[in-house]
Amino acid sequence: MSSSSVQSDDPVLFDTLDRCCQKIIEKMGDKPINEWRASDYNSLSSQLGKQTKVYLSENTLKRIFGRLKTPKRYFPQKATRDALAQFIGYRDWQEFELVYSSAKAENKKAISTEYNNQASSTKINERKSKKLYRLIVSLGTLVLLSFVAFILFWNRNQNPDGVQLVCENPFGEVPHTAVFQLTSNKFFDKNEAFQLDCMEEALPATITGNKKITRFFKNPGVVYVTLLHHNKPIDTVSVCLQTKGWVANSGNDTSRAYPIARLKALDPKNISVSAAQLDSAGLDTKKPFLIGFSNIHPSTISGDNFSFYTKVFAEQTRPGTQCIETTIIILGEKDRHLITLFRESCVALSRYTFSEVKVTGSDQFLGKLAFNPEFGGDINLKVENKVVSLILNGKKVFSTKYTRSIGNVMGVKILFSGIGKAISPEIQDLKTKEVF
């Protein structure tokens, strides 16, 4: 769950955003945006939520489409941009940006080529004897400029030698203000700008070598903060937001989080919260919401050799929510394992992540992961030497393997759409038998 959106003056960003908005308008029936009414925005919010699980208010959509004015043009957060891109058929915003920028470049190249061809044709008619000479000069110049541009681009996108991201206080309770700075064992330009990507847990940021910056985190868990140089990842550090046992928090969207029962420890044998507790936390239960149960602290349990078991109960339906999810997340020092399960009719929304291996139900049929814990369901996840096995209700339904270690286990999260319950979740190291 992220904080609020950002504002920007970069025309390139908004050119891409406007193109995305135009494709959304086309998908919604190509009705001119200046003729949209509340029902149109509500319809888009509903379809977007069903497809991506990100629900946006009418005012947020109006700001995105430029119909609700702000002092500076509104530019949505990455989670929202990813959802918009997925809605029109792309994996995420980065893929949409790449495809759109490539298309623009090809279009400019085609126009330039057509113009040059017309100019060449005119010169043929006027000065045929000089055509070959000028063509050779032009090609030579083009080759030289292309070579220079390639060298400049290649150098520009190299990681400045040895630059690393450091978090001064990587462990904290919730909420937590983390302090970041850049370091290197070699000389580098300390005025050069780098970018920080804090997943969806905090605003992205720009950082240079001559100052420290802070970021505020409010949800239990492990945040993998990535350092980028010209949009290329070059380093990652982890920030661990610890808990004292199992705690609960919730939210209606990606911008607000509600600690439940003041993040006090819950009974590990019966992890649940009541509707009254949700109401006391300020959560609007009339809207779709997620409940997250978290147990976060460092351990020496290997994230590549462990077994996990729990029994879960989830709602069958909830107003405004057609598909009820159950998500298990094992957080490591370097990366995470994640599996999201739905009942059979919603299995297209299922997905899994095991370190670098990522698959979604929209890309690959995951019918074997169909799971309906309305009356209770057993989840058993086993990772042995980076080979994954998933057992649902006593039946092995899935197996895969990955190559990049996630390090030691730092925490477990269990998420439900609506009110859910987990019974005695446990992680045990397969070699040392240590229990988390």
Protein backbone atom coordinates (compact mmCIF):
# COMPACT_ATOMS: atom_id res chain seq x y z
CA MET A 1 0.00 0.00 0.00
CA SER A 2 1.53 3.28 -1.13
CA SER A 3 1.35 6.86 -0.16
CA SER A 4 -0.16 9.62 -2.22
CA SER A 5 0.65 10.44 -5.81
CA VAL A 6 3.26 12.84 -7.16
CA GLN A 7 3.17 15.94 -9.32
CA SER A 8 5.57 16.61 -12.17
CA ASP A 9 6.34 19.05 -14.96
CA ASP A 10 8.06 16.56 -17.28
CA PRO A 11 6.24 16.76 -20.66
CA VAL A 12 7.61 13.37 -21.74
CA LEU A 13 5.94 11.65 -18.78
CA PHE A 14 2.61 13.26 -19.55
CA ASP A 15 2.86 12.55 -23.27
CA THR A 16 3.09 8.84 -22.37
CA LEU A 17 0.34 9.15 -19.74
CA ASP A 18 -1.95 10.92 -22.25
CA ARG A 19 -1.39 8.14 -24.79
CA CYS A 20 -2.29 5.54 -22.14
CA CYS A 21 -5.43 7.51 -21.26
CA GLN A 22 -6.42 7.68 -24.95
CA LYS A 23 -6.13 3.88 -25.27
CA ILE A 24 -8.27 3.48 -22.14
CA ILE A 25 -10.88 5.80 -23.66
CA GLU A 26 -10.87 3.68 -26.82
CA LYS A 27 -11.31 0.51 -24.77
CA MET A 28 -14.22 2.09 -22.89
CA GLY A 29 -16.09 2.86 -26.14
CA ASP A 30 -14.21 5.85 -27.54
CA LYS A 31 -16.60 8.37 -25.99
CA PRO A 32 -14.87 11.81 -25.83
CA ILE A 33 -13.51 12.40 -22.34
CA ASN A 34 -15.17 15.82 -22.12
CA GLU A 35 -18.52 14.05 -22.36
CA TRP A 36 -17.80 11.58 -19.53
CA ARG A 37 -20.12 11.64 -16.53
CA ALA A 38 -19.90 10.04 -13.08
CA SER A 39 -21.30 6.77 -14.43
CA ASP A 40 -18.48 6.56 -16.99
CA TYR A 41 -15.80 7.01 -14.34
CA ASN A 42 -17.52 4.51 -12.04
CA SER A 43 -17.70 1.98 -14.87
CA LEU A 44 -13.97 2.41 -15.55
CA SER A 45 -13.17 2.07 -11.84
CA SER A 46 -15.19 -1.14 -11.63
CA GLN A 47 -13.62 -2.71 -14.74
CA LEU A 48 -10.14 -1.63 -13.68
CA GLY A 49 -10.64 -3.10 -10.23
CA LYS A 50 -11.95 -6.40 -11.56
CA GLN A 51 -9.00 -6.78 -13.91
CA THR A 52 -6.14 -5.42 -11.75
CA LYS A 53 -7.56 -5.26 -8.17
CA VAL A 54 -6.70 -1.54 -8.09
CA TYR A 55 -9.80 0.60 -7.44
CA LEU A 56 -9.60 4.32 -8.20
CA SER A 57 -12.09 7.00 -7.17
CA GLU A 58 -13.88 9.28 -9.63
CA ASN A 59 -11.73 12.25 -8.56
CA THR A 60 -8.50 10.28 -8.93
CA LEU A 61 -9.50 9.22 -12.45
CA LYS A 62 -10.42 12.82 -13.32
CA ARG A 63 -6.98 13.97 -12.17
CA ILE A 64 -5.30 11.27 -14.25
CA PHE A 65 -7.28 12.28 -17.36
CA GLY A 66 -6.61 15.96 -16.70
CA ARG A 67 -10.27 16.78 -16.06
CA LEU A 68 -9.73 17.85 -12.43
CA LYS A 69 -7.19 20.63 -12.29
CA THR A 70 -4.35 20.77 -9.73
CA PRO A 71 -1.60 23.41 -9.28
CA LYS A 72 0.72 21.05 -11.13
CA ARG A 73 -0.32 18.30 -13.52
CA TYR A 74 -1.11 15.13 -11.55
CA PHE A 75 1.13 12.11 -12.27
CA PRO A 76 -0.03 8.83 -10.61
CA GLN A 77 2.11 6.45 -8.57
CA LYS A 78 3.77 3.39 -10.12
CA ALA A 79 1.16 0.97 -8.74
CA THR A 80 -1.58 3.00 -10.42
CA ARG A 81 0.40 3.37 -13.66
CA ASP A 82 1.04 -0.40 -13.73
CA ALA A 83 -2.70 -1.02 -13.30
CA LEU A 84 -3.57 1.40 -16.14
CA ALA A 85 -1.04 -0.30 -18.43
CA GLN A 86 -2.30 -3.79 -17.50
CA PHE A 87 -5.86 -2.65 -18.23
CA ILE A 88 -4.92 -1.97 -21.88
CA GLY A 89 -2.98 -5.20 -22.31
CA TYR A 90 0.56 -4.56 -21.13
CA ARG A 91 2.44 -6.30 -18.31
CA ASP A 92 3.25 -3.04 -16.53
CA TRP A 93 3.94 0.65 -17.09
CA GLN A 94 7.58 0.06 -18.03
CA GLU A 95 6.56 -2.18 -20.93
CA PHE A 96 3.98 0.36 -22.13
CA GLU A 97 6.58 3.17 -21.97
CA LEU A 98 9.07 1.09 -23.95
CA VAL A 99 6.56 0.13 -26.66
CA TYR A 100 5.22 3.68 -26.96
CA SER A 101 8.66 5.34 -27.10
CA SER A 102 9.81 2.78 -29.69
CA ALA A 103 6.74 3.48 -31.82
CA LYS A 104 7.36 7.22 -31.64
CA ALA A 105 10.99 6.74 -32.62
CA GLU A 106 10.03 4.57 -35.60
CA ASN A 107 7.46 7.14 -36.71
CA LYS A 108 10.01 9.96 -36.57
CA LYS A 109 12.50 7.81 -38.45
CA ALA A 110 9.93 7.08 -41.18
CA ILE A 111 9.08 10.78 -41.58
CA SER A 112 12.76 11.71 -41.70
CA THR A 113 13.45 9.00 -44.26
CA GLU A 114 10.56 10.13 -46.46
CA TYR A 115 11.74 13.74 -46.30
CA ASN A 116 15.33 12.79 -47.20
CA ASN A 117 14.11 10.65 -50.09
CA GLN A 118 12.08 13.55 -51.50
CA ALA A 119 15.05 15.89 -51.14
CA SER A 120 17.32 13.38 -52.84
CA SER A 121 14.86 13.01 -55.71
CA THR A 122 14.84 16.78 -56.27
CA LYS A 123 18.63 16.92 -56.27
CA ILE A 124 18.75 14.09 -58.81
CA ASN A 125 16.74 16.19 -61.18
CA GLU A 126 18.85 19.29 -60.52
CA ARG A 127 22.35 17.97 -60.08
CA LYS A 128 22.68 14.36 -61.09
CA SER A 129 26.42 14.55 -61.35
CA LYS A 130 26.81 15.37 -57.63
CA LYS A 131 24.39 12.80 -56.24
CA LEU A 132 26.89 10.03 -55.58
CA TYR A 133 29.34 12.36 -53.83
CA ARG A 134 26.70 13.87 -51.57
CA LEU A 135 25.19 10.50 -50.79
CA ILE A 136 28.58 9.16 -49.73
CA VAL A 137 29.19 12.22 -47.55
CA SER A 138 25.72 11.90 -45.98
CA LEU A 139 26.15 8.22 -45.24
CA GLY A 140 29.59 8.80 -43.80
CA THR A 141 28.28 11.56 -41.56
CA LEU A 142 25.33 9.41 -40.47
CA VAL A 143 27.61 6.50 -39.62
CA LEU A 144 29.92 8.79 -37.64
CA LEU A 145 27.05 10.42 -35.75
CA SER A 146 25.48 7.05 -35.04
CA PHE A 147 28.75 5.75 -33.71
CA VAL A 148 29.25 8.80 -31.48
CA ALA A 149 25.62 8.56 -30.25
CA PHE A 150 26.07 4.88 -29.46
CA ILE A 151 29.27 5.54 -27.48
CA LEU A 152 27.59 8.36 -25.55
CA PHE A 153 24.49 6.24 -24.87
CA TRP A 154 26.59 3.25 -23.80
CA ASN A 155 28.69 5.33 -21.43
CA ARG A 156 25.62 7.10 -20.07
CA ASN A 157 23.94 3.85 -19.13
CA GLN A 158 26.89 2.21 -17.41
CA ASN A 159 26.78 1.91 -13.65
CA PRO A 160 29.19 4.44 -12.13
CA ASP A 161 31.94 2.22 -10.82
CA GLY A 162 31.27 0.88 -7.33
CA VAL A 163 28.30 3.09 -6.39
CA GLN A 164 26.11 1.37 -3.78
CA LEU A 165 23.00 2.23 -1.79
CA VAL A 166 23.25 2.16 2.01
CA CYS A 167 20.43 2.32 4.55
CA GLU A 168 21.68 3.64 7.91
CA ASN A 169 18.80 2.07 9.86
CA PRO A 170 17.49 -0.95 7.93
CA PHE A 171 15.59 -2.38 10.93
CA GLY A 172 12.71 -0.63 12.64
CA GLU A 173 9.21 -0.94 14.00
CA VAL A 174 6.07 0.41 12.33
CA PRO A 175 6.03 3.25 11.37
CA HIS A 176 9.67 3.79 10.41
CA THR A 177 11.70 6.55 8.77
CA ALA A 178 14.64 5.02 6.89
CA VAL A 179 17.75 7.06 5.98
CA PHE A 180 19.54 6.36 2.68
CA GLN A 181 22.83 7.51 1.16
CA LEU A 182 25.19 6.56 -1.66
CA THR A 183 28.69 5.24 -1.15
CA SER A 184 31.56 4.04 -3.32
CA ASN A 185 35.15 2.90 -2.83
CA LYS A 186 36.10 4.91 -5.91
CA PHE A 187 35.60 8.47 -7.07
CA PHE A 188 32.23 9.32 -8.65
CA ASP A 189 30.36 12.51 -9.48
CA LYS A 190 28.41 13.24 -6.30
CA ASN A 191 26.12 15.64 -8.14
CA GLU A 192 24.89 12.94 -10.51
CA ALA A 193 21.28 11.93 -9.91
CA PHE A 194 20.19 8.37 -9.15
CA GLN A 195 16.67 7.10 -8.49
CA LEU A 196 15.17 5.08 -5.65
CA ASP A 197 12.26 2.69 -6.20
CA CYS A 198 10.61 1.74 -2.90
CA MET A 199 8.16 -0.76 -4.42
CA GLU A 200 4.66 0.47 -3.54
CA GLU A 201 5.52 1.31 0.06
CA ALA A 202 6.78 4.88 -0.42
CA LEU A 203 7.19 7.56 -3.06
CA PRO A 204 10.06 7.16 -5.54
CA ALA A 205 12.94 9.55 -4.95
CA THR A 206 16.03 11.12 -6.51
CA ILE A 207 19.29 10.77 -4.60
CA THR A 208 22.80 12.13 -5.16
CA GLY A 209 26.09 11.35 -3.49
CA ASN A 210 26.27 14.66 -1.63
CA LYS A 211 23.21 14.27 0.56
CA LYS A 212 21.12 11.78 2.53
CA ILE A 213 17.41 11.27 1.97
CA THR A 214 14.65 9.67 4.05
CA ARG A 215 11.64 7.58 3.23
CA PHE A 216 8.64 6.83 5.47
CA PHE A 217 7.27 3.28 5.76
CA LYS A 218 4.04 2.42 7.57
CA ASN A 219 3.31 -1.25 6.83
CA PRO A 220 4.88 -4.32 8.48
CA GLY A 221 7.10 -6.26 6.08
CA VAL A 222 10.34 -6.10 4.12
CA VAL A 223 10.79 -3.40 1.48
CA TYR A 224 13.34 -4.05 -1.25
CA VAL A 225 14.57 -0.55 -2.14
CA THR A 226 16.21 -0.49 -5.57
CA LEU A 227 18.83 2.01 -6.73
CA LEU A 228 18.52 2.88 -10.43
CA HIS A 229 20.87 4.73 -12.76
CA HIS A 230 19.11 5.95 -15.89
CA ASN A 231 16.27 3.48 -15.15
CA LYS A 232 18.68 0.53 -14.87
CA PRO A 233 18.74 -1.31 -11.49
CA ILE A 234 22.25 -1.33 -10.03
CA ASP A 235 21.79 -2.12 -6.32
CA THR A 236 19.14 -3.16 -3.77
CA VAL A 237 18.90 -2.88 0.00
CA SER A 238 16.25 -4.28 2.33
CA VAL A 239 14.37 -2.37 5.02
CA CYS A 240 12.74 -4.61 7.63
CA LEU A 241 9.64 -3.25 9.43
CA GLN A 242 9.46 -5.61 12.40
CA THR A 243 6.51 -6.76 14.51
CA LYS A 244 6.13 -8.36 17.91
CA GLY A 245 4.39 -11.53 16.79
CA TRP A 246 1.46 -11.67 14.37
CA VAL A 247 -0.28 -8.33 13.75
CA ALA A 248 -3.02 -7.12 11.39
CA ASN A 249 -3.45 -4.11 9.14
CA SER A 250 -5.77 -3.32 6.26
CA GLY A 251 -6.74 -0.82 3.57
CA ASN A 252 -9.29 -0.01 0.87
CA ASP A 253 -6.72 0.95 -1.78
CA THR A 254 -3.00 1.42 -2.37
CA SER A 255 -2.81 4.84 -0.72
CA ARG A 256 -3.98 4.27 2.89
CA ALA A 257 -3.17 1.71 5.57
CA TYR A 258 -5.14 1.03 8.75
CA PRO A 259 -3.34 -0.60 11.68
CA ILE A 260 -5.84 -2.88 13.44
CA ALA A 261 -5.89 -3.16 17.23
CA ARG A 262 -2.85 -0.85 17.28
CA LEU A 263 -0.74 -3.62 15.75
CA LYS A 264 -0.89 -5.62 18.98
CA ALA A 265 0.10 -9.29 18.79
CA LEU A 266 -2.65 -11.74 17.80
CA ASP A 267 -3.14 -15.34 18.90
CA PRO A 268 -0.82 -17.35 16.57
CA LYS A 269 -3.14 -20.35 16.81
CA ASN A 270 -6.14 -18.34 15.57
CA ILE A 271 -5.07 -15.27 13.63
CA SER A 272 -8.14 -13.19 12.86
CA VAL A 273 -9.87 -9.84 13.40
CA SER A 274 -13.52 -8.99 13.82
CA ALA A 275 -15.76 -6.59 11.91
CA ALA A 276 -15.91 -4.44 15.05
CA GLN A 277 -12.10 -4.16 15.10
CA LEU A 278 -12.10 -3.12 11.45
CA ASP A 279 -14.68 -0.47 12.18
CA SER A 280 -12.63 0.81 15.13
CA ALA A 281 -9.59 1.06 12.87
CA GLY A 282 -11.48 3.42 10.56
CA LEU A 283 -11.83 0.99 7.66
CA ASP A 284 -14.79 1.41 5.31
CA THR A 285 -16.00 -2.19 5.03
CA LYS A 286 -18.60 -1.19 2.42
CA LYS A 287 -15.76 -0.90 -0.09
CA PRO A 288 -13.45 -3.72 -1.24
CA PHE A 289 -10.56 -4.17 1.19
CA LEU A 290 -7.61 -6.40 2.02
CA ILE A 291 -6.57 -7.65 5.44
CA GLY A 292 -2.89 -8.44 5.97
CA PHE A 293 -1.53 -10.57 8.80
CA SER A 294 2.23 -10.12 9.29
CA ASN A 295 4.95 -11.63 11.42
CA ILE A 296 8.25 -9.87 10.68
CA HIS A 297 11.66 -10.35 12.33
CA PRO A 298 15.15 -11.54 11.30
CA SER A 299 15.93 -15.26 11.47
CA THR A 300 18.57 -17.77 10.42
CA ILE A 301 16.04 -19.94 8.57
CA SER A 302 17.04 -20.41 4.93
CA GLY A 303 14.59 -18.97 2.42
CA ASP A 304 15.74 -21.69 0.01
CA ASN A 305 15.22 -24.68 2.36
CA PHE A 306 12.06 -24.57 4.46
CA SER A 307 8.52 -25.85 4.84
CA PHE A 308 5.48 -23.69 5.51
CA TYR A 309 2.03 -24.79 6.63
CA THR A 310 -1.21 -23.11 7.63
CA LYS A 311 -4.95 -23.66 7.48
CA VAL A 312 -6.93 -20.69 6.20
CA PHE A 313 -10.56 -19.62 6.07
CA ALA A 314 -11.81 -16.95 3.66
CA GLU A 315 -15.13 -15.39 2.75
CA GLN A 316 -17.06 -16.70 -0.23
CA THR A 317 -18.29 -13.29 -1.36
CA ARG A 318 -18.18 -9.68 -0.21
CA PRO A 319 -20.06 -6.62 -1.56
CA GLY A 320 -18.09 -5.07 -4.42
CA THR A 321 -15.70 -8.04 -4.66
CA GLN A 322 -16.30 -10.89 -7.10
CA CYS A 323 -13.05 -12.76 -6.53
CA ILE A 324 -11.73 -13.45 -3.02
CA GLU A 325 -7.94 -13.85 -2.85
CA THR A 326 -5.67 -15.65 -0.44
CA THR A 327 -2.01 -14.67 -0.67
CA ILE A 328 1.01 -16.14 1.10
CA ILE A 329 4.28 -14.14 1.08
CA ILE A 330 7.61 -15.41 2.45
CA LEU A 331 9.97 -12.43 2.78
CA GLY A 332 13.71 -13.00 2.50
CA GLU A 333 16.73 -10.76 2.92
CA LYS A 334 17.16 -10.30 -0.85
CA ASP A 335 13.82 -11.22 -2.45
CA ARG A 336 10.54 -12.98 -1.72
CA HIS A 337 8.28 -15.92 -2.52
CA LEU A 338 4.62 -15.14 -3.19
CA ILE A 339 1.60 -17.12 -4.25
CA THR A 340 -1.90 -15.71 -4.77
CA LEU A 341 -4.80 -18.16 -4.93
CA PHE A 342 -8.42 -17.80 -6.11
CA ARG A 343 -11.37 -20.11 -6.55
CA GLU A 344 -11.74 -21.85 -9.92
CA SER A 345 -13.90 -19.20 -11.62
CA CYS A 346 -11.30 -16.49 -10.85
CA VAL A 347 -8.12 -18.49 -11.41
CA ALA A 348 -7.01 -16.15 -14.22
CA LEU A 349 -6.08 -13.71 -11.43
CA SER A 350 -3.78 -16.21 -9.71
CA ARG A 351 -0.04 -15.64 -9.76
CA TYR A 352 3.21 -16.76 -8.17
CA THR A 353 6.68 -15.35 -7.59
CA PHE A 354 9.64 -17.41 -6.44
CA SER A 355 12.68 -15.15 -6.42
CA GLU A 356 13.31 -14.29 -10.10
CA VAL A 357 10.57 -16.65 -11.40
CA LYS A 358 7.32 -14.72 -11.92
CA VAL A 359 4.13 -16.03 -13.60
CA THR A 360 0.61 -14.57 -13.75
CA GLY A 361 -2.65 -16.29 -14.59
CA SER A 362 -3.19 -13.89 -17.47
CA ASP A 363 0.02 -15.16 -19.14
CA GLN A 364 -0.27 -18.85 -18.28
CA PHE A 365 -3.21 -21.03 -17.28
CA LEU A 366 -2.91 -21.81 -13.56
CA GLY A 367 -5.98 -23.98 -13.19
CA LYS A 368 -4.23 -26.35 -10.76
CA LEU A 369 -3.96 -23.46 -8.30
CA ALA A 370 -7.75 -23.17 -7.92
CA PHE A 371 -8.43 -22.89 -4.18
CA ASN A 372 -11.63 -22.15 -2.25
CA PRO A 373 -11.09 -21.95 1.53
CA GLU A 374 -14.65 -20.86 2.38
CA PHE A 375 -14.91 -23.83 4.76
CA GLY A 376 -11.18 -24.04 5.40
CA GLY A 377 -8.22 -25.03 3.27
CA ASP A 378 -4.72 -26.40 3.96
CA ILE A 379 -1.70 -24.71 2.35
CA ASN A 380 1.67 -26.45 2.48
CA LEU A 381 4.62 -24.84 0.71
CA LYS A 382 7.99 -26.60 0.58
CA VAL A 383 11.22 -25.18 -0.84
CA GLU A 384 14.16 -27.57 -0.94
CA ASN A 385 17.43 -26.45 -2.56
CA LYS A 386 15.45 -23.83 -4.54
CA VAL A 387 12.93 -26.42 -5.80
CA VAL A 388 9.36 -25.40 -4.92
CA SER A 389 6.41 -27.70 -4.21
CA LEU A 390 2.89 -26.49 -3.40
CA ILE A 391 0.38 -28.80 -1.71
CA LEU A 392 -3.25 -27.68 -1.42
CA ASN A 393 -5.63 -29.72 0.75
CA GLY A 394 -3.18 -32.60 0.81
CA LYS A 395 -2.64 -32.75 -2.97
CA LYS A 396 0.55 -31.65 -4.72
CA VAL A 397 -0.61 -29.24 -7.42
CA PHE A 398 2.46 -27.35 -8.49
CA SER A 399 6.27 -27.49 -8.73
CA THR A 400 8.95 -25.16 -10.08
CA LYS A 401 12.53 -24.08 -9.39
CA TYR A 402 14.49 -20.86 -9.28
CA THR A 403 18.21 -19.94 -9.20
CA ARG A 404 18.67 -16.71 -7.21
CA SER A 405 18.72 -17.10 -3.40
CA ILE A 406 16.36 -14.95 -1.34
CA GLY A 407 18.60 -15.22 1.75
CA ASN A 408 17.32 -15.95 5.22
CA VAL A 409 13.62 -15.62 6.07
CA MET A 410 12.72 -12.17 7.47
CA GLY A 411 8.97 -12.51 7.69
CA VAL A 412 5.64 -13.99 6.62
CA LYS A 413 2.53 -12.19 5.37
CA ILE A 414 -0.93 -13.69 4.79
CA LEU A 415 -3.43 -11.54 2.87
CA PHE A 416 -7.17 -11.95 2.37
CA SER A 417 -9.82 -10.11 0.37
CA GLY A 418 -12.27 -9.26 3.13
CA ILE A 419 -12.26 -10.96 6.51
CA GLY A 420 -10.09 -14.08 6.66
CA LYS A 421 -8.46 -16.28 9.28
CA ALA A 422 -5.21 -18.26 9.51
CA ILE A 423 -4.67 -21.16 11.90
CA SER A 424 -1.20 -21.83 13.38
CA PRO A 425 1.04 -20.82 10.45
CA GLU A 426 4.57 -22.20 10.81
CA ILE A 427 7.86 -22.04 8.92
CA GLN A 428 10.56 -24.59 9.70
CA ASP A 429 14.10 -24.82 8.35
CA LEU A 430 14.49 -28.20 6.61
CA LYS A 431 18.08 -28.63 7.81
CA THR A 432 18.31 -27.03 11.26
CA LYS A 433 14.60 -27.56 12.20
CA GLU A 434 14.52 -23.99 13.51
CA VAL A 435 10.93 -22.66 13.66
CA PHE A 436 10.09 -19.07 12.74
